[in-house]
């Protein structure tokens, strides 16, 4: 049960910081685990890597903003830690087709 609480703590940290630069070390620290152990445990319990989870969650929120707001693609790309709108667009197309 402790592992689930640790993972939930790390997921809460990710969700609260989606527009920030999130390092794996910070997320592992939230779960009170070594980076290696955390990464293995996260993948087993969540079903994907930490980086993949962060990317998917950022795209979920970015897609929502694209539909519900008048923000530009450039602003949304920068909000969700993409260096250029082009890289955001490529990754977005790859994710959603």
N, C-alpha and C. Protein backbone atom coordinates (compact mmCIF):
# COMPACT_ATOMS: atom_id res chain seq x y z
N UNK A 1 0.81 -1.19 0.00
CA UNK A 1 0.00 0.00 0.00
C UNK A 1 0.86 1.26 0.00
N UNK A 2 1.99 1.23 0.66
CA UNK A 2 2.87 2.39 0.70
C UNK A 2 3.33 2.80 -0.68
N UNK A 3 3.56 1.82 -1.57
CA UNK A 3 4.01 2.14 -2.92
C UNK A 3 2.95 2.93 -3.68
N UNK A 4 1.69 2.57 -3.48
CA UNK A 4 0.63 3.30 -4.15
C UNK A 4 0.56 4.75 -3.65
N UNK A 5 0.74 4.93 -2.37
CA UNK A 5 0.74 6.29 -1.81
C UNK A 5 1.91 7.09 -2.34
N UNK A 6 3.06 6.47 -2.46
CA UNK A 6 4.24 7.15 -3.01
C UNK A 6 4.01 7.55 -4.46
N UNK A 7 3.44 6.64 -5.23
CA UNK A 7 3.17 6.93 -6.64
C UNK A 7 2.12 8.04 -6.76
N UNK A 8 1.12 8.00 -5.90
CA UNK A 8 0.10 9.05 -5.94
C UNK A 8 0.70 10.40 -5.60
N UNK A 9 1.61 10.42 -4.65
CA UNK A 9 2.29 11.65 -4.29
C UNK A 9 3.09 12.20 -5.48
N UNK A 10 3.77 11.32 -6.19
CA UNK A 10 4.56 11.77 -7.35
C UNK A 10 3.64 12.22 -8.49
N UNK A 11 2.52 11.54 -8.68
CA UNK A 11 1.57 11.94 -9.72
C UNK A 11 0.95 13.30 -9.38
N UNK A 12 0.63 13.51 -8.12
CA UNK A 12 0.11 14.82 -7.70
C UNK A 12 1.12 15.92 -7.98
N UNK A 13 2.39 15.64 -7.71
CA UNK A 13 3.45 16.61 -7.99
C UNK A 13 3.51 16.92 -9.49
N UNK A 14 3.44 15.90 -10.31
CA UNK A 14 3.47 16.09 -11.77
C UNK A 14 2.28 16.94 -12.20
N UNK A 15 1.09 16.57 -11.74
CA UNK A 15 -0.13 17.30 -12.13
C UNK A 15 -0.07 18.76 -11.71
N UNK A 16 0.50 19.04 -10.56
CA UNK A 16 0.59 20.41 -10.06
C UNK A 16 1.65 21.24 -10.79
N UNK A 17 2.54 20.57 -11.52
CA UNK A 17 3.67 21.28 -12.14
C UNK A 17 3.78 21.04 -13.65
N UNK A 18 2.70 20.76 -14.32
CA UNK A 18 2.75 20.43 -15.75
C UNK A 18 3.33 21.56 -16.60
N UNK A 19 3.14 22.79 -16.18
CA UNK A 19 3.67 23.91 -16.97
C UNK A 19 5.09 24.29 -16.56
N UNK A 20 5.64 23.56 -15.62
CA UNK A 20 7.02 23.81 -15.16
C UNK A 20 7.96 22.77 -15.75
N UNK A 21 9.25 23.05 -15.65
CA UNK A 21 10.26 22.08 -16.06
C UNK A 21 10.38 21.04 -14.95
N UNK A 22 9.96 19.82 -15.24
CA UNK A 22 9.94 18.76 -14.23
C UNK A 22 11.10 17.80 -14.50
N UNK A 23 11.92 17.58 -13.49
CA UNK A 23 13.00 16.60 -13.64
C UNK A 23 12.58 15.29 -12.98
N UNK A 24 13.13 14.21 -13.50
CA UNK A 24 12.82 12.90 -12.92
C UNK A 24 13.29 12.82 -11.47
N UNK A 25 14.39 13.47 -11.17
CA UNK A 25 14.92 13.46 -9.80
C UNK A 25 13.93 14.11 -8.84
N UNK A 26 13.29 15.21 -9.26
CA UNK A 26 12.30 15.87 -8.40
C UNK A 26 11.10 14.96 -8.14
N UNK A 27 10.66 14.29 -9.19
CA UNK A 27 9.49 13.41 -9.05
C UNK A 27 9.83 12.22 -8.16
N UNK A 28 11.02 11.66 -8.34
CA UNK A 28 11.45 10.54 -7.51
C UNK A 28 11.56 10.97 -6.05
N UNK A 29 12.03 12.18 -5.83
CA UNK A 29 12.15 12.70 -4.46
C UNK A 29 10.77 12.81 -3.80
N UNK A 30 9.77 13.21 -4.58
CA UNK A 30 8.40 13.28 -4.05
C UNK A 30 7.90 11.92 -3.60
N UNK A 31 8.36 10.87 -4.29
CA UNK A 31 7.95 9.51 -3.95
C UNK A 31 8.86 8.89 -2.90
N UNK A 32 9.88 9.64 -2.50
CA UNK A 32 10.84 9.16 -1.50
C UNK A 32 11.51 7.86 -1.94
N UNK A 33 11.95 7.84 -3.21
CA UNK A 33 12.61 6.66 -3.79
C UNK A 33 13.87 7.09 -4.53
N UNK A 34 14.75 6.14 -4.74
CA UNK A 34 15.88 6.41 -5.62
C UNK A 34 15.32 6.54 -7.03
N UNK A 35 16.05 7.21 -7.89
CA UNK A 35 15.60 7.43 -9.27
C UNK A 35 15.39 6.10 -9.98
N UNK A 36 16.32 5.18 -9.81
CA UNK A 36 16.21 3.88 -10.48
C UNK A 36 14.99 3.11 -9.99
N UNK A 37 14.83 3.02 -8.69
CA UNK A 37 13.71 2.27 -8.11
C UNK A 37 12.38 2.94 -8.48
N UNK A 38 12.34 4.26 -8.42
CA UNK A 38 11.12 4.99 -8.74
C UNK A 38 10.70 4.73 -10.19
N UNK A 39 11.64 4.84 -11.11
CA UNK A 39 11.33 4.66 -12.52
C UNK A 39 10.75 3.27 -12.78
N UNK A 40 11.36 2.26 -12.20
CA UNK A 40 10.85 0.88 -12.36
C UNK A 40 9.46 0.73 -11.76
N UNK A 41 9.29 1.22 -10.56
CA UNK A 41 8.02 1.10 -9.86
C UNK A 41 6.91 1.86 -10.58
N UNK A 42 7.23 3.05 -11.04
CA UNK A 42 6.25 3.87 -11.76
C UNK A 42 5.76 3.15 -13.01
N UNK A 43 6.69 2.60 -13.76
CA UNK A 43 6.31 1.90 -14.99
C UNK A 43 5.45 0.68 -14.70
N UNK A 44 5.74 -0.04 -13.64
CA UNK A 44 4.96 -1.22 -13.27
C UNK A 44 3.55 -0.81 -12.86
N UNK A 45 3.43 0.20 -12.01
CA UNK A 45 2.13 0.58 -11.45
C UNK A 45 1.28 1.43 -12.38
N UNK A 46 1.91 2.30 -13.16
CA UNK A 46 1.15 3.21 -14.02
C UNK A 46 1.02 2.67 -15.44
N UNK A 47 2.01 1.92 -15.89
CA UNK A 47 1.92 1.31 -17.21
C UNK A 47 2.68 2.03 -18.29
N UNK A 48 3.36 3.12 -17.94
CA UNK A 48 4.21 3.82 -18.91
C UNK A 48 5.33 4.50 -18.14
N UNK A 49 6.33 4.99 -18.86
CA UNK A 49 7.45 5.66 -18.21
C UNK A 49 7.00 7.02 -17.67
N UNK A 50 7.79 7.58 -16.79
CA UNK A 50 7.47 8.89 -16.20
C UNK A 50 7.43 9.95 -17.29
N UNK A 51 8.42 9.95 -18.16
CA UNK A 51 8.49 10.95 -19.24
C UNK A 51 7.27 10.84 -20.15
N UNK A 52 6.88 9.62 -20.47
CA UNK A 52 5.72 9.41 -21.33
C UNK A 52 4.45 9.91 -20.64
N UNK A 53 4.33 9.65 -19.36
CA UNK A 53 3.17 10.11 -18.60
C UNK A 53 3.10 11.63 -18.61
N UNK A 54 4.23 12.27 -18.35
CA UNK A 54 4.27 13.74 -18.34
C UNK A 54 3.89 14.28 -19.71
N UNK A 55 4.45 13.71 -20.76
CA UNK A 55 4.15 14.17 -22.12
C UNK A 55 2.66 14.03 -22.43
N UNK A 56 2.08 12.88 -22.10
CA UNK A 56 0.66 12.66 -22.36
C UNK A 56 -0.22 13.64 -21.58
N UNK A 57 0.10 13.86 -20.33
CA UNK A 57 -0.70 14.79 -19.52
C UNK A 57 -0.58 16.21 -20.04
N UNK A 58 0.63 16.61 -20.45
CA UNK A 58 0.78 17.95 -21.01
C UNK A 58 -0.03 18.11 -22.28
N UNK A 59 -0.02 17.09 -23.13
CA UNK A 59 -0.80 17.17 -24.36
C UNK A 59 -2.30 17.19 -24.09
N UNK A 60 -2.73 16.49 -23.06
CA UNK A 60 -4.15 16.52 -22.70
C UNK A 60 -4.58 17.93 -22.34
N UNK A 61 -3.78 18.59 -21.51
CA UNK A 61 -4.11 19.95 -21.11
C UNK A 61 -3.93 20.94 -22.27
N UNK A 62 -2.92 20.72 -23.09
CA UNK A 62 -2.70 21.59 -24.24
C UNK A 62 -3.87 21.49 -25.23
N UNK A 63 -4.33 20.27 -25.48
CA UNK A 63 -5.46 20.07 -26.39
C UNK A 63 -6.71 20.76 -25.85
N UNK A 64 -6.91 20.65 -24.56
CA UNK A 64 -8.06 21.31 -23.93
C UNK A 64 -7.97 22.82 -24.11
N UNK A 65 -6.78 23.38 -23.92
CA UNK A 65 -6.61 24.82 -24.08
C UNK A 65 -6.80 25.24 -25.53
N UNK A 66 -6.34 24.43 -26.46
CA UNK A 66 -6.52 24.76 -27.87
C UNK A 66 -8.01 24.85 -28.23
N UNK A 67 -8.80 23.98 -27.65
CA UNK A 67 -10.23 23.95 -27.95
C UNK A 67 -11.01 25.03 -27.18
N UNK A 68 -10.67 25.21 -25.92
CA UNK A 68 -11.49 26.04 -25.04
C UNK A 68 -11.04 27.49 -24.89
N UNK A 69 -9.85 27.82 -25.35
CA UNK A 69 -9.38 29.20 -25.18
C UNK A 69 -8.98 29.80 -26.52
N UNK A 70 -8.66 31.05 -26.49
CA UNK A 70 -8.19 31.75 -27.68
C UNK A 70 -6.66 31.89 -27.69
N UNK A 71 -5.99 31.16 -26.79
CA UNK A 71 -4.53 31.23 -26.73
C UNK A 71 -3.93 30.72 -28.03
N UNK A 72 -2.82 31.29 -28.41
CA UNK A 72 -2.16 30.87 -29.65
C UNK A 72 -1.39 29.57 -29.41
N UNK A 73 -1.11 28.87 -30.48
CA UNK A 73 -0.35 27.63 -30.41
C UNK A 73 1.03 27.91 -29.82
N UNK A 74 1.61 29.03 -30.18
CA UNK A 74 2.94 29.40 -29.67
C UNK A 74 2.91 29.51 -28.14
N UNK A 75 1.92 30.21 -27.62
CA UNK A 75 1.83 30.38 -26.17
C UNK A 75 1.62 29.05 -25.46
N UNK A 76 0.77 28.22 -26.01
CA UNK A 76 0.50 26.92 -25.41
C UNK A 76 1.75 26.05 -25.47
N UNK A 77 2.46 26.09 -26.59
CA UNK A 77 3.70 25.31 -26.73
C UNK A 77 4.71 25.71 -25.65
N UNK A 78 4.88 27.01 -25.46
CA UNK A 78 5.82 27.48 -24.44
C UNK A 78 5.33 27.16 -23.04
N UNK A 79 4.02 27.25 -22.81
CA UNK A 79 3.46 26.92 -21.49
C UNK A 79 3.80 25.50 -21.08
N UNK A 80 3.77 24.60 -22.04
CA UNK A 80 3.99 23.18 -21.74
C UNK A 80 5.39 22.70 -22.09
N UNK A 81 6.35 23.62 -21.99
CA UNK A 81 7.78 23.32 -22.03
C UNK A 81 8.31 22.85 -23.38
N UNK A 82 7.71 23.31 -24.47
CA UNK A 82 8.27 23.03 -25.79
C UNK A 82 9.04 24.26 -26.23
N UNK A 83 10.22 24.03 -26.76
CA UNK A 83 11.11 25.13 -27.14
C UNK A 83 10.63 25.90 -28.36
N UNK A 84 9.97 25.22 -29.26
CA UNK A 84 9.47 25.88 -30.46
C UNK A 84 8.05 25.39 -30.76
N UNK A 85 7.26 26.21 -31.43
CA UNK A 85 5.92 25.76 -31.83
C UNK A 85 5.98 24.60 -32.82
N UNK A 86 7.05 24.56 -33.61
CA UNK A 86 7.18 23.47 -34.58
C UNK A 86 7.35 22.12 -33.90
N UNK A 87 8.19 22.08 -32.87
CA UNK A 87 8.40 20.81 -32.15
C UNK A 87 7.11 20.40 -31.44
N UNK A 88 6.38 21.36 -30.91
CA UNK A 88 5.10 21.08 -30.28
C UNK A 88 4.12 20.52 -31.31
N UNK A 89 4.04 21.15 -32.47
CA UNK A 89 3.12 20.72 -33.52
C UNK A 89 3.45 19.30 -34.00
N UNK A 90 4.73 19.02 -34.21
CA UNK A 90 5.13 17.67 -34.64
C UNK A 90 4.74 16.63 -33.61
N UNK A 91 5.06 16.90 -32.36
CA UNK A 91 4.74 15.95 -31.29
C UNK A 91 3.23 15.82 -31.11
N UNK A 92 2.50 16.91 -31.25
CA UNK A 92 1.05 16.89 -31.12
C UNK A 92 0.42 16.04 -32.23
N UNK A 93 0.89 16.23 -33.45
CA UNK A 93 0.39 15.42 -34.57
C UNK A 93 0.72 13.95 -34.40
N UNK A 94 1.90 13.68 -33.89
CA UNK A 94 2.29 12.29 -33.65
C UNK A 94 1.38 11.64 -32.61
N UNK A 95 1.00 12.42 -31.61
CA UNK A 95 0.16 11.90 -30.53
C UNK A 95 -1.30 11.74 -30.96
N UNK A 96 -1.83 12.73 -31.64
CA UNK A 96 -3.26 12.75 -31.96
C UNK A 96 -3.59 12.49 -33.43
N UNK A 97 -2.58 12.47 -34.27
CA UNK A 97 -2.82 12.19 -35.69
C UNK A 97 -3.29 13.36 -36.49
